[in-house]
Protein backbone atom coordinates (compact mmCIF):
# COMPACT_ATOMS: atom_id res chain seq x y z
CA MET A 1 -73.68 -58.51 -90.98
CA LYS A 2 -72.86 -61.36 -88.66
CA ASP A 3 -70.80 -61.60 -85.52
CA LEU A 4 -67.13 -62.49 -85.81
CA ASN A 5 -67.61 -65.59 -83.66
CA THR A 6 -70.03 -67.15 -86.16
CA ASN A 7 -68.36 -70.09 -87.91
CA LEU A 8 -67.65 -70.14 -91.62
CA LYS A 9 -68.94 -73.09 -93.66
CA VAL A 10 -67.97 -73.72 -97.26
CA SER A 11 -69.79 -76.36 -99.29
CA PHE A 12 -70.04 -77.42 -102.95
CA TYR A 13 -72.85 -78.78 -105.09
CA LEU A 14 -73.75 -79.36 -108.72
CA LYS A 15 -76.00 -77.07 -110.69
CA LYS A 16 -78.65 -79.16 -112.40
CA LYS A 17 -77.71 -78.14 -115.90
CA ILE A 18 -75.98 -80.76 -118.07
CA ASN A 19 -73.88 -79.38 -120.94
CA ARG A 20 -72.93 -81.01 -124.24
CA ASN A 21 -70.13 -82.96 -122.54
CA ASP A 22 -72.60 -84.44 -120.04
CA LEU A 23 -71.00 -82.40 -117.24
CA CYS A 24 -72.60 -80.03 -114.70
CA PRO A 25 -71.22 -76.72 -113.32
CA VAL A 26 -69.83 -76.92 -109.79
CA MET A 27 -71.25 -74.26 -107.49
CA GLY A 28 -69.91 -73.06 -104.13
CA ARG A 29 -71.83 -71.90 -101.07
CA ILE A 30 -70.40 -69.68 -98.31
CA ALA A 31 -72.37 -69.64 -95.06
CA ILE A 32 -71.70 -67.54 -91.97
CA GLY A 33 -74.49 -68.39 -89.58
CA THR A 34 -77.72 -67.79 -91.49
CA ASP A 35 -75.99 -65.47 -93.97
CA ILE A 36 -75.49 -67.44 -97.20
CA VAL A 37 -74.12 -66.54 -100.62
CA GLN A 38 -73.52 -68.71 -103.69
CA PHE A 39 -70.95 -68.49 -106.46
CA SER A 40 -69.73 -70.34 -109.55
CA CYS A 41 -66.51 -72.32 -109.19
CA LYS A 42 -65.97 -72.17 -112.97
CA ILE A 43 -65.32 -75.92 -113.10
CA GLU A 44 -67.47 -78.84 -114.24
CA ALA A 45 -67.96 -82.37 -112.89
CA ASP A 46 -69.51 -85.65 -113.96
CA PRO A 47 -72.89 -85.83 -112.15
CA SER A 48 -72.73 -89.64 -112.10
CA LEU A 49 -69.56 -89.49 -109.94
CA TRP A 50 -70.66 -86.66 -107.68
CA ASP A 51 -70.83 -87.37 -103.94
CA VAL A 52 -73.58 -85.07 -102.62
CA LEU A 53 -72.67 -85.44 -98.93
CA ALA A 54 -68.93 -84.93 -99.45
CA GLY A 55 -69.39 -82.23 -102.07
CA ARG A 56 -66.70 -83.81 -104.21
CA VAL A 57 -66.18 -86.22 -107.10
CA SER A 58 -65.77 -89.82 -105.90
CA GLY A 59 -63.02 -92.17 -107.16
CA LYS A 60 -59.39 -91.72 -108.20
CA SER A 61 -59.79 -91.06 -111.88
CA HIS A 62 -57.96 -88.22 -113.59
CA HIS A 63 -61.25 -86.30 -113.76
CA ALA A 64 -61.92 -86.81 -110.02
CA ARG A 65 -58.40 -85.76 -108.99
CA LYS A 66 -58.50 -82.65 -111.18
CA VAL A 67 -61.94 -81.45 -110.00
CA ASN A 68 -61.27 -82.23 -106.32
CA SER A 69 -57.93 -80.40 -106.50
CA GLU A 70 -59.67 -77.27 -107.79
CA ILE A 71 -62.31 -77.56 -105.06
CA ASP A 72 -59.60 -77.88 -102.41
CA LYS A 73 -57.84 -74.74 -103.72
CA ILE A 74 -61.09 -72.76 -103.60
CA ASN A 75 -61.86 -74.01 -100.09
CA VAL A 76 -58.41 -73.04 -98.82
CA ALA A 77 -58.56 -69.61 -100.51
CA ILE A 78 -61.99 -68.82 -99.02
CA ASN A 79 -60.91 -69.81 -95.51
CA ALA A 80 -57.74 -67.74 -95.87
CA LYS A 81 -59.73 -64.65 -96.91
CA TYR A 82 -62.14 -65.21 -94.04
CA LYS A 83 -59.26 -65.34 -91.51
CA GLU A 84 -57.71 -62.26 -93.10
CA ILE A 85 -60.90 -60.25 -92.72
CA THR A 86 -61.77 -61.43 -89.22
CA SER A 87 -58.22 -60.76 -88.02
CA LEU A 88 -59.08 -57.10 -88.44
CA ARG A 89 -61.72 -57.50 -85.73
CA TRP A 90 -64.41 -56.09 -87.99
CA LYS A 91 -67.83 -57.36 -88.96
CA VAL A 92 -67.96 -59.71 -91.92
CA SER A 93 -70.70 -61.04 -94.18
CA ALA A 94 -70.71 -64.03 -96.50
CA ASN A 95 -70.71 -61.62 -99.43
CA ASP A 96 -67.62 -59.87 -98.04
CA VAL A 97 -65.77 -63.17 -98.05
CA LYS A 98 -66.97 -64.01 -101.57
CA ASN A 99 -65.89 -60.60 -102.90
CA ALA A 100 -62.49 -60.90 -101.22
CA PHE A 101 -62.01 -64.41 -102.62
CA GLN A 102 -63.03 -63.35 -106.14
CA GLY A 103 -60.91 -60.19 -105.98
CA ASN A 104 -63.89 -57.85 -106.20
CA ALA A 105 -63.17 -55.79 -103.09
CA MET A 106 -61.50 -53.00 -105.03
CA SER A 107 -64.44 -52.69 -107.41
CA GLN A 108 -66.85 -51.97 -104.57
CA GLU A 109 -68.00 -48.45 -103.81
CA THR A 110 -66.10 -47.71 -100.61
CA LEU A 111 -66.21 -44.73 -98.25
CA LEU A 112 -62.82 -43.18 -99.00
CA LYS A 113 -63.20 -43.90 -102.72
CA ILE A 114 -66.46 -41.93 -102.85
CA PHE A 115 -64.86 -39.16 -100.77
CA ARG A 116 -61.88 -38.96 -103.17
CA VAL A 117 -64.13 -38.75 -106.23
CA TYR A 118 -66.19 -36.01 -104.56
CA ASN A 119 -63.07 -34.00 -103.66
CA GLU A 120 -61.63 -34.34 -107.18
CA ALA A 121 -64.85 -32.98 -108.67
CA PHE A 122 -64.97 -30.22 -106.03
CA LYS A 123 -61.38 -29.16 -106.80
CA LYS A 124 -62.26 -28.51 -110.45
CA ARG A 125 -64.88 -25.98 -109.33
CA VAL A 126 -62.50 -23.99 -107.08
CA GLY A 127 -62.38 -20.41 -108.27
CA VAL A 128 -65.57 -20.87 -110.31
CA THR A 129 -68.37 -21.76 -107.92
CA ARG A 130 -66.37 -22.99 -104.90
CA THR A 131 -63.62 -21.53 -102.72
CA LYS A 132 -60.18 -22.94 -102.00
CA SER A 133 -60.81 -22.74 -98.25
CA THR A 134 -63.94 -24.92 -98.50
CA PHE A 135 -62.05 -27.44 -100.62
CA ASN A 136 -59.31 -27.52 -97.98
CA ASN A 137 -61.93 -28.34 -95.34
CA TYR A 138 -63.07 -31.37 -97.34
CA HIS A 139 -59.49 -32.41 -98.04
CA PHE A 140 -58.51 -32.30 -94.35
CA SER A 141 -61.71 -34.14 -93.40
CA TYR A 142 -60.74 -36.88 -95.86
CA LEU A 143 -57.26 -37.14 -94.31
CA SER A 144 -58.75 -37.34 -90.79
CA LEU A 145 -61.08 -40.13 -91.87
CA GLU A 146 -58.27 -41.98 -93.63
CA ARG A 147 -56.05 -41.86 -90.52
CA PHE A 148 -58.93 -42.97 -88.31
CA ILE A 149 -59.73 -46.02 -90.48
CA ARG A 150 -56.07 -47.05 -90.58
CA LYS A 151 -55.66 -46.66 -86.82
CA LYS A 152 -58.96 -48.17 -85.67
CA TYR A 153 -59.55 -50.93 -88.22
CA ARG A 154 -56.08 -51.44 -89.73
CA VAL A 155 -57.36 -51.30 -93.30
CA THR A 156 -57.05 -48.75 -96.11
CA ASP A 157 -60.78 -48.36 -96.73
CA LEU A 158 -64.21 -49.61 -95.68
CA SER A 159 -67.29 -50.54 -97.65
CA PHE A 160 -70.40 -48.53 -96.85
CA ARG A 161 -72.07 -51.69 -95.60
CA GLN A 162 -69.54 -51.79 -92.77
CA LEU A 163 -70.60 -48.39 -91.46
CA ASP A 164 -72.92 -48.43 -88.47
CA TYR A 165 -73.73 -46.34 -85.42
CA SER A 166 -70.59 -47.47 -83.59
CA PHE A 167 -68.42 -46.35 -86.52
CA ILE A 168 -69.88 -42.84 -86.35
CA GLU A 169 -69.52 -42.75 -82.58
CA ASN A 170 -65.91 -44.00 -82.71
CA PHE A 171 -65.01 -41.40 -85.33
CA TYR A 172 -66.56 -38.66 -83.21
CA TYR A 173 -64.52 -39.65 -80.13
CA TYR A 174 -61.38 -39.99 -82.27
CA LEU A 175 -61.77 -36.37 -83.45
CA LYS A 176 -62.80 -35.06 -80.05
CA ILE A 177 -60.42 -36.96 -77.74
CA ASP A 178 -57.53 -38.37 -79.79
CA CYS A 179 -57.17 -35.31 -82.05
CA GLY A 180 -58.36 -32.77 -79.45
CA LEU A 181 -60.40 -30.80 -81.98
CA ALA A 182 -62.86 -28.09 -81.01
CA SER A 183 -66.58 -28.83 -81.17
CA GLY A 184 -67.08 -26.61 -84.21
CA THR A 185 -64.32 -28.38 -86.16
CA VAL A 186 -65.71 -31.79 -85.20
CA ALA A 187 -69.15 -30.69 -86.37
CA ILE A 188 -67.74 -29.72 -89.80
CA LYS A 189 -65.97 -33.06 -90.26
CA LEU A 190 -69.05 -35.04 -89.21
CA SER A 191 -71.17 -32.96 -91.57
CA GLN A 192 -68.88 -33.75 -94.49
CA LEU A 193 -68.88 -37.46 -93.61
CA ARG A 194 -72.68 -37.28 -93.50
CA LYS A 195 -72.62 -35.82 -97.03
CA MET A 196 -70.67 -38.86 -98.30
CA ILE A 197 -73.22 -41.18 -96.72
CA LYS A 198 -76.08 -39.25 -98.33
CA ILE A 199 -74.35 -39.69 -101.70
CA ALA A 200 -74.13 -43.45 -101.07
CA ILE A 201 -77.82 -43.58 -100.18
CA ARG A 202 -78.76 -41.63 -103.33
CA LYS A 203 -76.67 -44.05 -105.41
CA ARG A 204 -78.40 -46.96 -103.63
CA ILE A 205 -75.07 -48.32 -102.44
CA ILE A 206 -76.68 -48.58 -99.00
CA SER A 207 -80.24 -48.16 -97.79
CA HIS A 208 -79.58 -47.36 -94.13
CA ASN A 209 -78.14 -44.21 -92.58
CA PRO A 210 -75.54 -44.99 -89.88
CA PHE A 211 -76.09 -41.49 -88.47
CA ALA A 212 -79.65 -42.45 -87.49
CA GLY A 213 -80.04 -41.84 -83.75
CA PHE A 214 -76.59 -40.28 -83.43
CA CYS A 215 -76.49 -37.10 -81.39
CA SER A 216 -73.11 -35.78 -80.27
CA GLU A 217 -73.05 -33.49 -77.28
CA GLY A 218 -71.73 -30.07 -78.06
CA THR A 219 -70.86 -30.63 -81.71
CA LYS A 220 -73.13 -27.86 -82.92
CA ALA A 221 -71.07 -24.70 -83.07
CA LYS A 222 -72.41 -21.75 -81.12
CA GLN A 223 -73.19 -18.89 -83.47
CA ARG A 224 -71.97 -15.55 -82.11
CA TYR A 225 -72.56 -11.92 -82.98
CA VAL A 226 -71.39 -8.57 -81.61
CA PRO A 227 -74.15 -6.86 -79.54
CA LYS A 228 -74.76 -3.15 -80.05
CA GLU A 229 -72.86 -2.09 -76.90
CA GLU A 230 -69.69 -3.83 -78.10
CA LEU A 231 -70.26 -2.65 -81.66
CA GLU A 232 -70.28 0.94 -80.37
CA LYS A 233 -67.00 0.31 -78.53
CA LEU A 234 -65.43 -0.96 -81.73
CA MET A 235 -66.58 2.08 -83.68
CA LYS A 236 -65.65 4.72 -81.10
CA THR A 237 -62.34 3.44 -79.71
CA HIS A 238 -59.34 5.33 -81.10
CA LEU A 239 -56.73 2.98 -82.57
CA LYS A 240 -53.23 4.45 -82.96
CA SER A 241 -52.14 1.82 -85.50
CA LYS A 242 -53.20 2.46 -89.11
CA SER A 243 -53.15 -1.27 -89.83
CA LEU A 244 -55.51 -1.99 -86.89
CA ASP A 245 -57.71 0.90 -88.00
CA ILE A 246 -58.11 -0.63 -91.48
CA THR A 247 -58.93 -4.04 -90.02
CA ARG A 248 -61.53 -2.51 -87.67
CA ASP A 249 -63.12 -0.62 -90.58
CA MET A 250 -63.32 -3.75 -92.75
CA PHE A 251 -65.00 -5.58 -89.87
CA ILE A 252 -67.50 -2.73 -89.37
CA PHE A 253 -68.24 -2.63 -93.11
CA SER A 254 -69.06 -6.34 -93.00
CA CYS A 255 -71.27 -5.73 -89.94
CA TYR A 256 -73.33 -3.25 -91.99
CA THR A 257 -73.43 -5.28 -95.24
CA GLY A 258 -73.19 -8.95 -94.24
CA LEU A 259 -70.47 -9.60 -96.80
CA SER A 260 -68.21 -12.55 -96.04
CA TYR A 261 -64.44 -12.07 -96.05
CA ILE A 262 -63.92 -13.44 -99.57
CA ASP A 263 -66.82 -11.44 -101.04
CA LEU A 264 -65.55 -8.23 -99.40
CA PHE A 265 -62.01 -9.02 -100.58
CA ASN A 266 -63.30 -9.32 -104.16
CA LEU A 267 -65.72 -6.34 -103.97
CA THR A 268 -65.23 -3.97 -106.93
CA SER A 269 -66.72 -0.60 -107.81
CA ARG A 270 -68.59 -2.27 -110.70
CA GLN A 271 -70.67 -4.19 -108.15
CA ILE A 272 -71.99 -0.96 -106.60
CA GLU A 273 -75.03 0.32 -108.51
CA LYS A 274 -77.50 3.20 -108.08
CA ASP A 275 -81.25 2.55 -108.33
CA ASN A 276 -83.92 4.86 -109.74
CA ASP A 277 -84.40 6.48 -106.31
CA GLY A 278 -80.73 7.33 -105.98
CA PHE A 279 -79.87 4.64 -103.40
CA LEU A 280 -76.63 2.69 -103.77
CA TRP A 281 -76.73 -1.11 -103.70
CA ILE A 282 -74.16 -3.90 -103.78
CA ASN A 283 -75.15 -6.37 -106.51
CA THR A 284 -72.96 -9.45 -106.43
CA SER A 285 -72.94 -13.25 -106.34
CA ARG A 286 -71.47 -15.05 -103.36
CA GLN A 287 -68.28 -16.86 -104.31
CA LYS A 288 -69.08 -19.73 -101.94
CA THR A 289 -72.51 -20.60 -103.37
CA ASP A 290 -72.85 -18.42 -106.49
CA ASN A 291 -76.19 -17.20 -105.08
CA GLU A 292 -77.23 -13.62 -105.88
CA SER A 293 -76.78 -11.08 -103.08
CA LYS A 294 -78.36 -7.60 -103.17
CA ILE A 295 -77.53 -5.24 -100.27
CA LEU A 296 -78.56 -1.64 -99.66
CA LEU A 297 -75.58 0.45 -98.57
CA LEU A 298 -76.33 2.10 -95.22
CA ASP A 299 -74.73 5.41 -94.21
CA GLU A 300 -71.97 3.75 -92.18
CA ALA A 301 -70.97 1.56 -95.13
CA LEU A 302 -71.12 4.50 -97.56
CA TRP A 303 -68.83 6.55 -95.29
CA LEU A 304 -66.24 3.75 -95.27
CA ILE A 305 -66.34 3.45 -99.05
CA GLU A 306 -65.55 7.16 -99.34
CA LYS A 307 -62.82 6.89 -96.70
CA TYR A 308 -60.98 4.20 -98.64
CA ARG A 309 -61.75 5.36 -102.18
CA GLY A 310 -58.77 4.72 -104.46
CA THR A 311 -56.83 2.60 -101.92
CA GLY A 312 -57.77 -0.84 -103.24
CA SER A 313 -55.71 -2.59 -105.90
CA GLY A 314 -57.13 -2.36 -109.42
CA ASP A 315 -60.89 -1.89 -109.30
CA LYS A 316 -61.23 -3.29 -105.76
CA VAL A 317 -62.97 -1.09 -103.20
CA PHE A 318 -60.80 -1.87 -100.14
CA PRO A 319 -57.12 -2.67 -99.36
CA MET A 320 -57.87 -6.06 -97.79
CA LYS A 321 -55.26 -8.20 -96.02
CA SER A 322 -55.40 -12.00 -95.66
CA CYS A 323 -58.16 -13.48 -93.51
CA GLY A 324 -55.61 -14.96 -91.09
CA HIS A 325 -53.90 -11.57 -90.69
CA ILE A 326 -57.23 -9.83 -90.09
CA ASN A 327 -58.37 -12.38 -87.50
CA GLY A 328 -55.05 -12.01 -85.69
CA GLN A 329 -55.49 -8.24 -85.54
CA LEU A 330 -59.11 -8.56 -84.40
CA LYS A 331 -57.82 -10.25 -81.23
CA LYS A 332 -55.70 -7.18 -80.49
CA ILE A 333 -58.57 -4.84 -81.30
CA ALA A 334 -60.92 -6.69 -78.94
CA SER A 335 -58.37 -6.28 -76.13
CA LEU A 336 -57.94 -2.56 -76.83
CA CYS A 337 -61.73 -2.10 -76.84
CA ASN A 338 -62.17 -4.10 -73.59
CA ILE A 339 -64.29 -6.71 -75.35
CA ALA A 340 -64.00 -10.01 -73.48
CA LYS A 341 -64.52 -12.36 -76.41
CA ARG A 342 -62.50 -13.69 -79.31
CA LEU A 343 -63.45 -11.72 -82.41
CA THR A 344 -63.31 -13.35 -85.84
CA PHE A 345 -64.20 -11.75 -89.14
CA HIS A 346 -67.09 -14.16 -89.69
CA MET A 347 -68.79 -12.75 -86.59
CA ALA A 348 -69.45 -9.57 -88.59
CA ARG A 349 -71.79 -11.56 -90.86
CA HIS A 350 -73.69 -12.85 -87.83
CA THR A 351 -73.84 -9.30 -86.47
CA PHE A 352 -75.38 -8.00 -89.68
CA ALA A 353 -78.11 -10.66 -89.60
CA THR A 354 -78.86 -10.35 -85.87
CA GLU A 355 -78.06 -6.89 -84.56
CA ILE A 356 -78.33 -4.74 -87.68
CA CYS A 357 -81.30 -6.40 -89.41
CA LEU A 358 -83.40 -8.81 -87.31
CA SER A 359 -83.36 -6.61 -84.21
CA GLN A 360 -84.68 -3.72 -86.31
CA GLY A 361 -87.61 -5.70 -87.65
CA ILE A 362 -86.19 -6.83 -91.01
CA SER A 363 -87.78 -10.11 -92.09
CA ILE A 364 -85.86 -13.38 -92.33
CA GLU A 365 -86.74 -13.54 -96.03
CA SER A 366 -85.17 -10.12 -96.75
CA ILE A 367 -82.10 -10.94 -94.66
CA GLY A 368 -81.68 -14.20 -96.56
CA ARG A 369 -81.85 -12.40 -99.90
CA MET A 370 -79.21 -9.88 -98.84
CA MET A 371 -76.93 -12.62 -97.48
CA GLY A 372 -77.28 -14.72 -100.63
CA HIS A 373 -79.15 -17.64 -99.04
CA LYS A 374 -81.55 -19.89 -100.93
CA ASP A 375 -82.61 -21.88 -97.88
CA PRO A 376 -84.33 -19.93 -95.04
CA ASN A 377 -82.80 -22.41 -92.58
CA SER A 378 -79.36 -21.05 -93.49
CA THR A 379 -80.45 -17.55 -92.50
CA GLU A 380 -81.90 -18.74 -89.19
CA ILE A 381 -78.45 -20.05 -88.22
CA TYR A 382 -77.08 -16.51 -88.43
CA ALA A 383 -80.09 -14.57 -87.19
CA LYS A 384 -80.60 -14.78 -83.41
CA THR A 385 -83.29 -12.86 -81.58
CA THR A 386 -81.69 -10.46 -79.07
CA PRO A 387 -83.20 -9.81 -75.60
CA ASP A 388 -84.05 -6.21 -76.61
CA LYS A 389 -85.83 -7.39 -79.75
CA MET A 390 -87.82 -9.95 -77.74
CA SER A 391 -88.79 -7.29 -75.19
CA ASP A 392 -89.91 -4.86 -77.92
CA ASP A 393 -91.94 -7.57 -79.66
CA MET A 394 -93.72 -8.53 -76.44
CA GLN A 395 -94.50 -4.89 -75.62
CA MET A 396 -95.96 -4.45 -79.10
CA LEU A 397 -98.00 -7.63 -78.64
CA SER A 398 -99.24 -6.34 -75.28
CA GLU A 399 -100.48 -3.14 -76.93
CA ILE A 400 -102.22 -5.10 -79.69
CA LEU A 401 -104.01 -7.42 -77.24
CA LYS A 402 -104.94 -4.69 -74.76
CA GLY A 403 -108.73 -4.77 -74.27
CA MET A 404 -109.19 -7.50 -76.88
CA TYR A 405 -110.12 -10.15 -74.34
CA VAL A 406 -111.99 -9.63 -71.06
CA LEU A 407 -112.05 -12.23 -68.29
CA ALA A 408 -115.42 -13.13 -66.89
CA SER A 409 -115.93 -11.66 -63.39
């Protein structure tokens, strides 16, 4: 890529290949600084009449007028395309100008084109291995990116070669400042843009990663869980509303099983199985990833299953409301329980990993299996070491090391 202030130079020359008519192909050369690209003009000229310095056919013959007229048209068209591109105040290469002149711009693999193809393929998997909510996230990320490109660069799309560090940075500030989005939402949109770039790199459309060196302050969402003191408040506080009581119980069930909203919504009695020792397990596959999830039902979860037996529609275990409705009611429940934080249903999944499992000594590997993770890094996002767990671990370490090492007097 070259700077916009670099001058364009267009020149013409003959290819040293004489055909049966004793003519040679006319070639064009586009130069922007040291960036040079060549192309065929698809016309032929008499080499004996060719003026090398002028890059034209000399004389006033019919052949000279015809060839020179075609060269003039090409020269004008290339300069017009160059002005069109540079008027957008965007970086331009000699190849960009050539592609624009030859009408190849639409055939290039562009950012929004790749994003559209990805979303179309994703949509076909909704309800099979992907959820509608995840598809909506990608769809809205595409729309945000489309609006940003139109506003910032006044074009409908950009080639991957035009993406650099400043593009990523500008998009980040557009989401954060112009759109006023929360850090977690910005992080999701940047992550999905990063996925499109990884696709382009795998397809060898580009070799560089414009995200290299980019680090946005505060874009990583803070993972939250409900500590045991607040969990006890939730479980013990009397709620006069039956609707709030159901919502609280669904949240608690998720805290003791780690099931996401959609997997709890779809939970059926067929997915609850008894092992040879008489213990009940949930055997299911996560709708989001289709990964297997196997969860032992603890006493608290078993009690809730019995409490709501026969209340779910069809073979479903629970009478679940919409996720939006539940999250709205969780705000009210938090206020009634004097919990000074915004509760969301997804926090129950974090609570299962952190407070119910990790704090009680369950390994990351076992937690990952129960939560349906293939990658241990995914589990580590959910599982946070609590202060009590850290204190217990250090006390245990102190007992193990006691008397093992003696300082020299």
